[in-house]
C-alpha atoms as a PDB file:
ATOM      1  CA  MET A   1      -6.824  -5.919 -22.148  1.00  0.00           C
ATOM      2  CA  THR A   2      -7.573  -7.214 -18.648  1.00  0.00           C
ATOM      3  CA  SER A   3     -11.087  -6.560 -17.424  1.00  0.00           C
ATOM      4  CA  ALA A   4     -11.535  -3.995 -14.674  1.00  0.00           C
ATOM      5  CA  ARG A   5     -13.224  -6.798 -12.790  1.00  0.00           C
ATOM      6  CA  GLY A   6     -11.596 -10.070 -11.916  1.00  0.00           C
ATOM      7  CA  PHE A   7      -8.800  -8.835  -9.626  1.00  0.00           C
ATOM      8  CA  THR A   8      -7.613 -10.865  -6.681  1.00  0.00           C
ATOM      9  CA  ALA A   9      -6.749  -8.627  -3.743  1.00  0.00           C
ATOM     10  CA  LEU A  10      -3.739  -9.683  -1.678  1.00  0.00           C
ATOM     11  CA  VAL A  11      -3.570  -7.884   1.664  1.00  0.00           C
ATOM     12  CA  LEU A  12      -0.347  -8.137   3.667  1.00  0.00           C
ATOM     13  CA  ALA A  13      -1.340  -8.271   7.331  1.00  0.00           C
ATOM     14  CA  GLY A  14       1.782  -9.352   9.201  1.00  0.00           C
ATOM     15  CA  ASP A  15       3.712  -7.107  11.596  1.00  0.00           C
ATOM     16  CA  ARG A  16       7.109  -5.781  10.475  1.00  0.00           C
ATOM     17  CA  LYS A  17       8.395  -5.827  14.029  1.00  0.00           C
ATOM     18  CA  SER A  18       7.429  -7.451  17.320  1.00  0.00           C
ATOM     19  CA  PRO A  19       6.051  -5.993  19.412  1.00  0.00           C
ATOM     20  CA  ASP A  20       4.459  -3.576  16.946  1.00  0.00           C
ATOM     21  CA  PRO A  21       4.124  -0.079  18.502  1.00  0.00           C
ATOM     22  CA  VAL A  22       0.613   0.495  17.122  1.00  0.00           C
ATOM     23  CA  ALA A  23      -0.563  -2.845  18.479  1.00  0.00           C
ATOM     24  CA  VAL A  24       0.962  -2.020  21.861  1.00  0.00           C
ATOM     25  CA  ALA A  25      -0.697   1.415  21.924  1.00  0.00           C
ATOM     26  CA  THR A  26      -4.128  -0.002  21.084  1.00  0.00           C
ATOM     27  CA  GLY A  27      -3.889  -3.206  23.122  1.00  0.00           C
ATOM     28  CA  ALA A  28      -4.407  -5.353  20.021  1.00  0.00           C
ATOM     29  CA  PRO A  29      -2.609  -8.667  19.455  1.00  0.00           C
ATOM     30  CA  CYS A  30      -1.172  -7.318  16.187  1.00  0.00           C
ATOM     31  CA  LYS A  31      -1.331  -4.116  14.139  1.00  0.00           C
ATOM     32  CA  ALA A  32      -3.820  -5.433  11.590  1.00  0.00           C
ATOM     33  CA  LEU A  33      -6.377  -5.870  14.368  1.00  0.00           C
ATOM     34  CA  SER A  34      -5.752  -2.480  15.980  1.00  0.00           C
ATOM     35  CA  PRO A  35      -8.939  -0.416  16.208  1.00  0.00           C
ATOM     36  CA  VAL A  36      -8.941   2.693  14.023  1.00  0.00           C
ATOM     37  CA  GLY A  37     -12.038   4.845  14.164  1.00  0.00           C
ATOM     38  CA  GLY A  38     -13.523   2.135  16.375  1.00  0.00           C
ATOM     39  CA  ARG A  39     -13.010  -0.666  13.820  1.00  0.00           C
ATOM     40  CA  PRO A  40     -10.105  -3.109  13.289  1.00  0.00           C
ATOM     41  CA  VAL A  41      -7.974  -1.564  10.585  1.00  0.00           C
ATOM     42  CA  ILE A  42      -7.906  -4.693   8.430  1.00  0.00           C
ATOM     43  CA  LEU A  43     -11.712  -4.673   8.267  1.00  0.00           C
ATOM     44  CA  ARG A  44     -11.626  -1.094   7.014  1.00  0.00           C
ATOM     45  CA  VAL A  45      -9.371  -2.248   4.174  1.00  0.00           C
ATOM     46  CA  LEU A  46     -11.494  -5.300   3.389  1.00  0.00           C
ATOM     47  CA  ASP A  47     -14.654  -3.159   3.367  1.00  0.00           C
ATOM     48  CA  ALA A  48     -13.115  -0.755   0.830  1.00  0.00           C
ATOM     49  CA  LEU A  49     -11.981  -3.591  -1.417  1.00  0.00           C
ATOM     50  CA  GLU A  50     -15.371  -5.278  -1.335  1.00  0.00           C
ATOM     51  CA  ALA A  51     -17.268  -2.039  -1.957  1.00  0.00           C
ATOM     52  CA  SER A  52     -15.119  -1.147  -4.978  1.00  0.00           C
ATOM     53  CA  GLY A  53     -16.801  -3.683  -7.236  1.00  0.00           C
ATOM     54  CA  ARG A  54     -13.421  -4.527  -8.769  1.00  0.00           C
ATOM     55  CA  ILE A  55     -12.391  -7.477  -6.601  1.00  0.00           C
ATOM     56  CA  ASP A  56     -13.462 -11.071  -7.235  1.00  0.00           C
ATOM     57  CA  ALA A  57     -11.418 -12.710  -4.483  1.00  0.00           C
ATOM     58  CA  THR A  58      -9.547 -11.503  -1.420  1.00  0.00           C
ATOM     59  CA  VAL A  59      -6.555 -13.170   0.233  1.00  0.00           C
ATOM     60  CA  ILE A  60      -4.961 -11.957   3.463  1.00  0.00           C
ATOM     61  CA  CYS A  61      -1.410 -12.929   4.403  1.00  0.00           C
ATOM     62  CA  GLY A  62      -1.554 -12.796   8.199  1.00  0.00           C
ATOM     63  CA  PRO A  63      -2.337 -11.915  10.875  1.00  0.00           C
ATOM     64  CA  PRO A  64      -0.944 -14.905  12.785  1.00  0.00           C
ATOM     65  CA  ALA A  65      -3.535 -17.636  13.343  1.00  0.00           C
ATOM     66  CA  PRO A  66      -3.664 -17.263  17.161  1.00  0.00           C
ATOM     67  CA  ALA A  67      -4.625 -13.588  16.776  1.00  0.00           C
ATOM     68  CA  LEU A  68      -7.719 -14.293  14.679  1.00  0.00           C
ATOM     69  CA  ALA A  69      -9.766 -15.163  17.760  1.00  0.00           C
ATOM     70  CA  ALA A  70      -9.529 -11.491  18.783  1.00  0.00           C
ATOM     71  CA  CYS A  71     -11.569 -10.474  15.710  1.00  0.00           C
ATOM     72  CA  PRO A  72     -14.696 -12.631  15.343  1.00  0.00           C
ATOM     73  CA  GLU A  73     -15.883 -10.669  12.288  1.00  0.00           C
ATOM     74  CA  LEU A  74     -12.675 -11.435  10.405  1.00  0.00           C
ATOM     75  CA  GLN A  75     -12.876 -15.091  11.412  1.00  0.00           C
ATOM     76  CA  GLU A  76     -16.475 -15.192  10.184  1.00  0.00           C
ATOM     77  CA  ARG A  77     -15.422 -13.806   6.793  1.00  0.00           C
ATOM     78  CA  ILE A  78     -12.726 -16.476   6.539  1.00  0.00           C
ATOM     79  CA  ASP A  79     -15.121 -19.247   7.571  1.00  0.00           C
ATOM     80  CA  ALA A  80     -17.705 -18.015   5.033  1.00  0.00           C
ATOM     81  CA  GLY A  81     -15.165 -17.987   2.197  1.00  0.00           C
ATOM     82  CA  ARG A  82     -15.320 -14.225   1.687  1.00  0.00           C
ATOM     83  CA  VAL A  83     -11.626 -14.045   2.603  1.00  0.00           C
ATOM     84  CA  THR A  84      -8.842 -16.621   2.262  1.00  0.00           C
ATOM     85  CA  TRP A  85      -6.223 -16.613   5.022  1.00  0.00           C
ATOM     86  CA  LEU A  86      -2.545 -17.499   4.504  1.00  0.00           C
ATOM     87  CA  ALA A  87       0.236 -17.458   7.087  1.00  0.00           C
ATOM     88  CA  ASN A  88       2.638 -14.516   6.856  1.00  0.00           C
ATOM     89  CA  LEU A  89       6.415 -14.802   6.742  1.00  0.00           C
ATOM     90  CA  ASP A  90       9.068 -12.567   8.308  1.00  0.00           C
ATOM     91  CA  SER A  91       8.946  -9.656   5.840  1.00  0.00           C
ATOM     92  CA  PRO A  92       6.385  -8.065   3.497  1.00  0.00           C
ATOM     93  CA  GLY A  93       8.385  -9.022   0.416  1.00  0.00           C
ATOM     94  CA  ARG A  94       8.738 -12.658   1.432  1.00  0.00           C
ATOM     95  CA  SER A  95       5.080 -12.800   2.461  1.00  0.00           C
ATOM     96  CA  ALA A  96       3.993 -11.394  -0.894  1.00  0.00           C
ATOM     97  CA  GLU A  97       6.198 -13.815  -2.827  1.00  0.00           C
ATOM     98  CA  HIS A  98       4.959 -16.747  -0.737  1.00  0.00           C
ATOM     99  CA  SER A  99       1.301 -15.776  -1.254  1.00  0.00           C
ATOM    100  CA  LEU A 100       1.544 -15.056  -4.977  1.00  0.00           C
ATOM    101  CA  ALA A 101       2.882 -18.560  -5.542  1.00  0.00           C
ATOM    102  CA  ARG A 102      -0.429 -19.875  -4.211  1.00  0.00           C
ATOM    103  CA  LEU A 103      -2.707 -17.729  -6.365  1.00  0.00           C
ATOM    104  CA  ASP A 104      -4.041 -18.416  -9.844  1.00  0.00           C
ATOM    105  CA  ALA A 105      -1.208 -17.385 -12.166  1.00  0.00           C
ATOM    106  CA  GLN A 106      -3.696 -15.873 -14.634  1.00  0.00           C
ATOM    107  CA  ALA A 107      -5.464 -13.595 -12.146  1.00  0.00           C
ATOM    108  CA  PRO A 108      -4.461  -9.918 -12.003  1.00  0.00           C
ATOM    109  CA  VAL A 109      -3.546  -9.015  -8.426  1.00  0.00           C
ATOM    110  CA  LEU A 110      -4.039  -5.882  -6.363  1.00  0.00           C
ATOM    111  CA  LEU A 111      -1.393  -5.870  -3.642  1.00  0.00           C
ATOM    112  CA  THR A 112      -1.897  -3.660  -0.595  1.00  0.00           C
ATOM    113  CA  THR A 113      -1.445  -3.647   3.184  1.00  0.00           C
ATOM    114  CA  ALA A 114      -3.752  -4.148   6.153  1.00  0.00           C
ATOM    115  CA  ASP A 115      -2.757  -0.819   7.728  1.00  0.00           C
ATOM    116  CA  HIS A 116      -4.123   1.225   4.794  1.00  0.00           C
ATOM    117  CA  ALA A 117      -6.684   2.731   7.168  1.00  0.00           C
ATOM    118  CA  LEU A 118      -7.938   5.503   4.873  1.00  0.00           C
ATOM    119  CA  LEU A 119      -8.394   3.321   1.800  1.00  0.00           C
ATOM    120  CA  THR A 120     -11.762   3.844   0.115  1.00  0.00           C
ATOM    121  CA  ALA A 121     -13.665   2.135  -2.672  1.00  0.00           C
ATOM    122  CA  ASP A 122     -13.134   5.234  -4.830  1.00  0.00           C
ATOM    123  CA  ILE A 123      -9.352   5.010  -4.405  1.00  0.00           C
ATOM    124  CA  VAL A 124      -9.393   1.323  -5.320  1.00  0.00           C
ATOM    125  CA  ARG A 125     -11.463   1.996  -8.426  1.00  0.00           C
ATOM    126  CA  GLU A 126      -9.312   4.940  -9.497  1.00  0.00           C
ATOM    127  CA  PHE A 127      -6.134   2.930  -9.097  1.00  0.00           C
ATOM    128  CA  LEU A 128      -7.312  -0.233 -10.822  1.00  0.00           C
ATOM    129  CA  ASP A 129      -9.037   1.583 -13.677  1.00  0.00           C
ATOM    130  CA  GLY A 130      -5.899   3.693 -14.152  1.00  0.00           C
ATOM    131  CA  SER A 131      -3.772   0.559 -14.084  1.00  0.00           C
ATOM    132  CA  LEU A 132      -5.715  -0.846 -17.023  1.00  0.00           C
ATOM    133  CA  ALA A 133      -5.589   2.345 -19.088  1.00  0.00           C
ATOM    134  CA  ASP A 134      -2.082   1.703 -20.425  1.00  0.00           C
ATOM    135  CA  ALA A 135      -0.153  -1.359 -21.546  1.00  0.00           C
ATOM    136  CA  ALA A 136       1.684  -2.497 -18.434  1.00  0.00           C
ATOM    137  CA  ASP A 137       2.714  -5.601 -16.551  1.00  0.00           C
ATOM    138  CA  ALA A 138       2.640  -3.843 -13.186  1.00  0.00           C
ATOM    139  CA  THR A 139       1.632  -0.455 -11.808  1.00  0.00           C
ATOM    140  CA  LEU A 140       2.155   1.469  -8.595  1.00  0.00           C
ATOM    141  CA  GLY A 141       0.026   4.188  -7.051  1.00  0.00           C
ATOM    142  CA  LEU A 142       1.533   7.613  -6.331  1.00  0.00           C
ATOM    143  CA  VAL A 143       0.299  10.944  -5.001  1.00  0.00           C
ATOM    144  CA  GLU A 144       1.916  14.341  -5.283  1.00  0.00           C
ATOM    145  CA  TYR A 145       3.486  15.302  -1.968  1.00  0.00           C
ATOM    146  CA  GLY A 146       2.339  18.892  -2.478  1.00  0.00           C
ATOM    147  CA  ALA A 147      -1.293  17.799  -2.295  1.00  0.00           C
ATOM    148  CA  VAL A 148      -0.588  15.846   0.886  1.00  0.00           C
ATOM    149  CA  ALA A 149       1.214  18.773   2.540  1.00  0.00           C
ATOM    150  CA  ALA A 150      -1.595  21.131   1.527  1.00  0.00           C
ATOM    151  CA  ALA A 151      -4.190  18.865   3.127  1.00  0.00           C
ATOM    152  CA  TRP A 152      -2.227  18.371   6.351  1.00  0.00           C
ATOM    153  CA  PRO A 153       0.391  21.109   6.892  1.00  0.00           C
ATOM    154  CA  GLY A 154       3.446  19.828   8.704  1.00  0.00           C
ATOM    155  CA  ILE A 155       2.874  16.201   7.817  1.00  0.00           C
ATOM    156  CA  ARG A 156       5.970  14.067   7.344  1.00  0.00           C
ATOM    157  CA  ARG A 157       6.012  11.296   4.769  1.00  0.00           C
ATOM    158  CA  THR A 158       8.670   9.409   2.860  1.00  0.00           C
ATOM    159  CA  VAL A 159       9.072  11.456  -0.323  1.00  0.00           C
ATOM    160  CA  THR A 160      10.877  10.634  -3.559  1.00  0.00           C
ATOM    161  CA  ARG A 161      12.004  14.004  -4.912  1.00  0.00           C
ATOM    162  CA  LEU A 162      12.301  13.991  -8.687  1.00  0.00           C
ATOM    163  CA  ARG A 163      12.932  16.804 -11.119  1.00  0.00           C
ATOM    164  CA  ASP A 164       9.330  16.925 -12.310  1.00  0.00           C
ATOM    165  CA  GLY A 165       7.625  16.362  -8.969  1.00  0.00           C
ATOM    166  CA  HIS A 166       7.789  15.043  -5.426  1.00  0.00           C
ATOM    167  CA  TYR A 167       5.891  11.803  -4.869  1.00  0.00           C
ATOM    168  CA  CYS A 168       4.661   9.598  -2.049  1.00  0.00           C
ATOM    169  CA  GLY A 169       3.988   5.913  -2.504  1.00  0.00           C
ATOM    170  CA  CYS A 170       0.573   4.523  -1.649  1.00  0.00           C
ATOM    171  CA  ASN A 171       1.128   0.818  -0.890  1.00  0.00           C
ATOM    172  CA  LEU A 172      -1.008   0.028  -3.933  1.00  0.00           C
ATOM    173  CA  TYR A 173       0.425  -2.235  -6.620  1.00  0.00           C
ATOM    174  CA  ALA A 174      -1.329  -3.911  -9.527  1.00  0.00           C
ATOM    175  CA  LEU A 175       0.398  -7.027 -10.835  1.00  0.00           C
ATOM    176  CA  LEU A 176      -1.457  -7.470 -14.082  1.00  0.00           C
ATOM    177  CA  ASN A 177       0.099 -10.683 -15.378  1.00  0.00           C
ATOM    178  CA  GLU A 178       2.673 -13.310 -14.530  1.00  0.00           C
ATOM    179  CA  ARG A 179       5.554 -11.088 -15.665  1.00  0.00           C
ATOM    180  CA  GLY A 180       4.291  -8.271 -13.468  1.00  0.00           C
ATOM    181  CA  ARG A 181       4.423 -10.516 -10.421  1.00  0.00           C
ATOM    182  CA  GLY A 182       8.192 -10.591 -10.833  1.00  0.00           C
ATOM    183  CA  LEU A 183       8.270  -7.045  -9.454  1.00  0.00           C
ATOM    184  CA  VAL A 184       7.879  -8.540  -5.982  1.00  0.00           C
ATOM    185  CA  THR A 185      11.308 -10.154  -6.298  1.00  0.00           C
ATOM    186  CA  TYR A 186      12.940  -6.735  -6.751  1.00  0.00           C
ATOM    187  CA  TRP A 187      10.786  -5.221  -4.036  1.00  0.00           C
ATOM    188  CA  LYS A 188      11.935  -7.940  -1.624  1.00  0.00           C
ATOM    189  CA  ARG A 189      15.587  -7.129  -2.348  1.00  0.00           C
ATOM    190  CA  ALA A 190      15.133  -3.409  -1.807  1.00  0.00           C
ATOM    191  CA  GLU A 191      12.676  -3.302   1.112  1.00  0.00           C
ATOM    192  CA  GLN A 192      15.430  -2.657   3.655  1.00  0.00           C
ATOM    193  CA  SER A 193      16.122   0.664   1.913  1.00  0.00           C
ATOM    194  CA  ARG A 194      12.542   1.918   1.812  1.00  0.00           C
ATOM    195  CA  LYS A 195      13.386   4.902   4.058  1.00  0.00           C
ATOM    196  CA  ARG A 196      16.347   5.906   1.878  1.00  0.00           C
ATOM    197  CA  PRO A 197      15.077   6.491  -1.663  1.00  0.00           C
ATOM    198  CA  TRP A 198      18.547   6.985  -3.155  1.00  0.00           C
ATOM    199  CA  GLN A 199      19.609   3.538  -1.919  1.00  0.00           C
ATOM    200  CA  TRP A 200      16.377   2.060  -3.279  1.00  0.00           C
ATOM    201  CA  ILE A 201      17.053   3.656  -6.656  1.00  0.00           C
ATOM    202  CA  ALA A 202      20.677   2.458  -6.642  1.00  0.00           C
ATOM    203  CA  GLN A 203      19.712  -1.140  -5.872  1.00  0.00           C
ATOM    204  CA  LEU A 204      16.895  -1.287  -8.402  1.00  0.00           C
ATOM    205  CA  LEU A 205      18.206   0.910 -11.195  1.00  0.00           C
ATOM    206  CA  GLY A 206      21.995   0.989 -11.031  1.00  0.00           C
ATOM    207  CA  PRO A 207      24.569   3.802 -10.654  1.00  0.00           C
ATOM    208  CA  VAL A 208      23.597   6.137 -13.521  1.00  0.00           C
ATOM    209  CA  PRO A 209      20.003   6.772 -12.374  1.00  0.00           C
ATOM    210  CA  VAL A 210      21.101   7.197  -8.766  1.00  0.00           C
ATOM    211  CA  LEU A 211      23.641   9.834  -9.789  1.00  0.00           C
ATOM    212  CA  SER A 212      20.909  11.562 -11.773  1.00  0.00           C
ATOM    213  CA  TYR A 213      18.635  11.376  -8.722  1.00  0.00           C
ATOM    214  CA  LEU A 214      21.267  12.834  -6.400  1.00  0.00           C
ATOM    215  CA  ALA A 215      21.852  15.631  -8.908  1.00  0.00           C
ATOM    216  CA  GLY A 216      18.146  16.436  -8.944  1.00  0.00           C
ATOM    217  CA  MET A 217      17.821  15.544 -12.636  1.00  0.00           C
ATOM    218  CA  LEU A 218      15.907  12.255 -12.527  1.00  0.00           C
ATOM    219  CA  THR A 219      12.306  12.446 -13.779  1.00  0.00           C
ATOM    220  CA  LEU A 220       9.449  10.087 -12.984  1.00  0.00           C
ATOM    221  CA  ASP A 221       9.309   8.767 -16.549  1.00  0.00           C
ATOM    222  CA  ALA A 222      13.070   8.205 -16.592  1.00  0.00           C
ATOM    223  CA  ALA A 223      13.006   6.404 -13.238  1.00  0.00           C
ATOM    224  CA  VAL A 224      10.146   4.121 -14.235  1.00  0.00           C
ATOM    225  CA  GLY A 225      11.661   3.559 -17.684  1.00  0.00           C
ATOM    226  CA  ALA A 226      15.001   2.543 -16.181  1.00  0.00           C
ATOM    227  CA  LEU A 227      13.261   0.214 -13.730  1.00  0.00           C
ATOM    228  CA  SER A 228      11.290  -1.388 -16.566  1.00  0.00           C
ATOM    229  CA  LYS A 229      14.451  -1.874 -18.617  1.00  0.00           C
ATOM    230  CA  ARG A 230      16.399  -3.377 -15.728  1.00  0.00           C
ATOM    231  CA  THR A 231      13.654  -5.778 -14.648  1.00  0.00           C
ATOM    232  CA  GLY A 232      12.122  -6.622 -18.025  1.00  0.00           C
ATOM    233  CA  ILE A 233       8.733  -5.681 -16.537  1.00  0.00           C
ATOM    234  CA  ARG A 234       6.612  -2.937 -18.100  1.00  0.00           C
ATOM    235  CA  ILE A 235       5.935  -0.730 -15.077  1.00  0.00           C
ATOM    236  CA  ARG A 236       3.718   2.349 -15.048  1.00  0.00           C
ATOM    237  CA  PRO A 237       2.923   4.849 -12.281  1.00  0.00           C
ATOM    238  CA  VAL A 238      -0.738   5.643 -11.606  1.00  0.00           C
ATOM    239  CA  PRO A 239      -1.223   9.145 -10.130  1.00  0.00           C
ATOM    240  CA  LEU A 240      -4.055   9.230  -7.600  1.00  0.00           C
ATOM    241  CA  SER A 241      -6.180  12.249  -6.768  1.00  0.00           C
ATOM    242  CA  ALA A 242      -6.835  11.594  -3.057  1.00  0.00           C
ATOM    243  CA  PRO A 243      -3.970  12.681  -0.781  1.00  0.00           C
ATOM    244  CA  ARG A 244      -5.180  10.207   1.851  1.00  0.00           C
ATOM    245  CA  ALA A 245      -4.141   7.355  -0.458  1.00  0.00           C
ATOM    246  CA  CYS A 246      -0.551   7.598   0.826  1.00  0.00           C
ATOM    247  CA  ILE A 247      -1.364   7.466   4.539  1.00  0.00           C
ATOM    248  CA  ASP A 248      -1.031   4.200   6.404  1.00  0.00           C
ATOM    249  CA  VAL A 249      -0.734   3.433  10.118  1.00  0.00           C
ATOM    250  CA  ASP A 250       2.900   2.561  10.631  1.00  0.00           C
ATOM    251  CA  THR A 251       3.492   4.460  13.876  1.00  0.00           C
ATOM    252  CA  VAL A 252       1.519   5.734  16.836  1.00  0.00           C
ATOM    253  CA  THR A 253       1.795   9.236  15.370  1.00  0.00           C
ATOM    254  CA  ASP A 254       0.273   7.926  12.135  1.00  0.00           C
ATOM    255  CA  LEU A 255      -2.546   6.452  14.212  1.00  0.00           C
ATOM    256  CA  GLN A 256      -3.217   9.822  15.822  1.00  0.00           C
ATOM    257  CA  LEU A 257      -3.266  11.501  12.412  1.00  0.00           C
ATOM    258  CA  VAL A 258      -5.687   8.960  10.945  1.00  0.00           C
ATOM    259  CA  GLU A 259      -7.978   9.188  13.965  1.00  0.00           C
ATOM    260  CA  SER A 260      -8.077  12.980  13.562  1.00  0.00           C
ATOM    261  CA  ILE A 261      -8.879  12.674   9.842  1.00  0.00           C
ATOM    262  CA  LEU A 262     -11.682  10.204  10.506  1.00  0.00           C
ATOM    263  CA  ALA A 263     -13.073  12.329  13.327  1.00  0.00           C
ATOM    264  CA  GLN A 264     -13.107  15.376  11.084  1.00  0.00           C
ATOM    265  CA  ALA A 265     -14.836  13.414   8.318  1.00  0.00           C
ATOM    266  CA  ARG A 266     -17.618  12.598  10.760  1.00  0.00           C
ATOM    267  CA  GLN A 267     -18.056  16.350  11.379  1.00  0.00           C
ATOM    268  CA  PRO A 268     -17.913  17.891   7.874  1.00  0.00           C
ATOM    269  CA  SER A 269     -19.219  21.258   9.005  1.00  0.00           C
ATOM    270  CA  THR A 270     -16.355  21.920  11.402  1.00  0.00           C
ATOM    271  CA  GLN A 271     -13.439  24.157  10.449  1.00  0.00           C
ATOM    272  CA  HIS A 272     -10.279  22.356   9.342  1.00  0.00           C
ATOM    273  CA  VAL A 273      -7.638  22.049  12.059  1.00  0.00           C
ATOM    274  CA  PRO A 274      -4.247  20.853  10.796  1.00  0.00           C
ATOM    275  CA  ALA A 275      -3.331  17.453  12.190  1.00  0.00           C
ATOM    276  CA  SER A 276      -0.115  16.692  14.003  1.00  0.00           C
ATOM    277  CA  PRO A 277       2.847  15.705  11.849  1.00  0.00           C
ATOM    278  CA  ALA A 278       3.028  11.959  11.199  1.00  0.00           C
ATOM    279  CA  GLU A 279       6.010   9.752  10.672  1.00  0.00           C
ATOM    280  CA  SER A 280       5.808   7.717   7.463  1.00  0.00           C
ATOM    281  CA  GLN A 281       6.100   4.041   6.964  1.00  0.00           C
END
């Protein structure tokens, strides 16, 4: 079994669109450098990864080289060898594929995104330890939508509604071996349908599972089992306990939500006030 230590973290830090609305709202040269809670969001992610004790090396794909001058602390980490920088391509899937080809083929990889503003060391540990608890080539983090909605009433996220539960993705993937890295190829093909789960299921799984999904009969185990069979990759979901694990900063409304969560965390004695609804990635 792979050790819980020894992971390489790959952080995707390129913008999906230009100009990125979060970058525009914050005056940053790109989203990854947008301040969240007074700190560039990518540094929040890197801090969580480093503090987890599970990461031996960290690679960031993006932000674009000219933008690095706007974040001296990130440039210092790159110069010191704490972080390796690679240029991003024109989509997350292509960037991930491009970066993985340059990593040690034997190293297990944690794949995440630079806008994962609420990522914590505890979430990283829970996900990676859970990823190693079962025989798998690749895993993906999930949280129950009910827990998210209970924490922030009115919140809007992309939800995959299955017979045995409603789930939100967390932009956390563990690619535990060379076979597991092949999942990125399928992800790249389906990333245009990420807002339409039934299309994602149809492209990845084929017509029978999508009909089952539309009929409300598809279960999580059946969906993951069909995906594993179709790809030849042993894939397992890893349920996570922290609702915040599914919240990234994809829109200005997301940014407002995250800022409210961080502000509340700094004042633990205050009464909970539901945050504004947030659009999902």
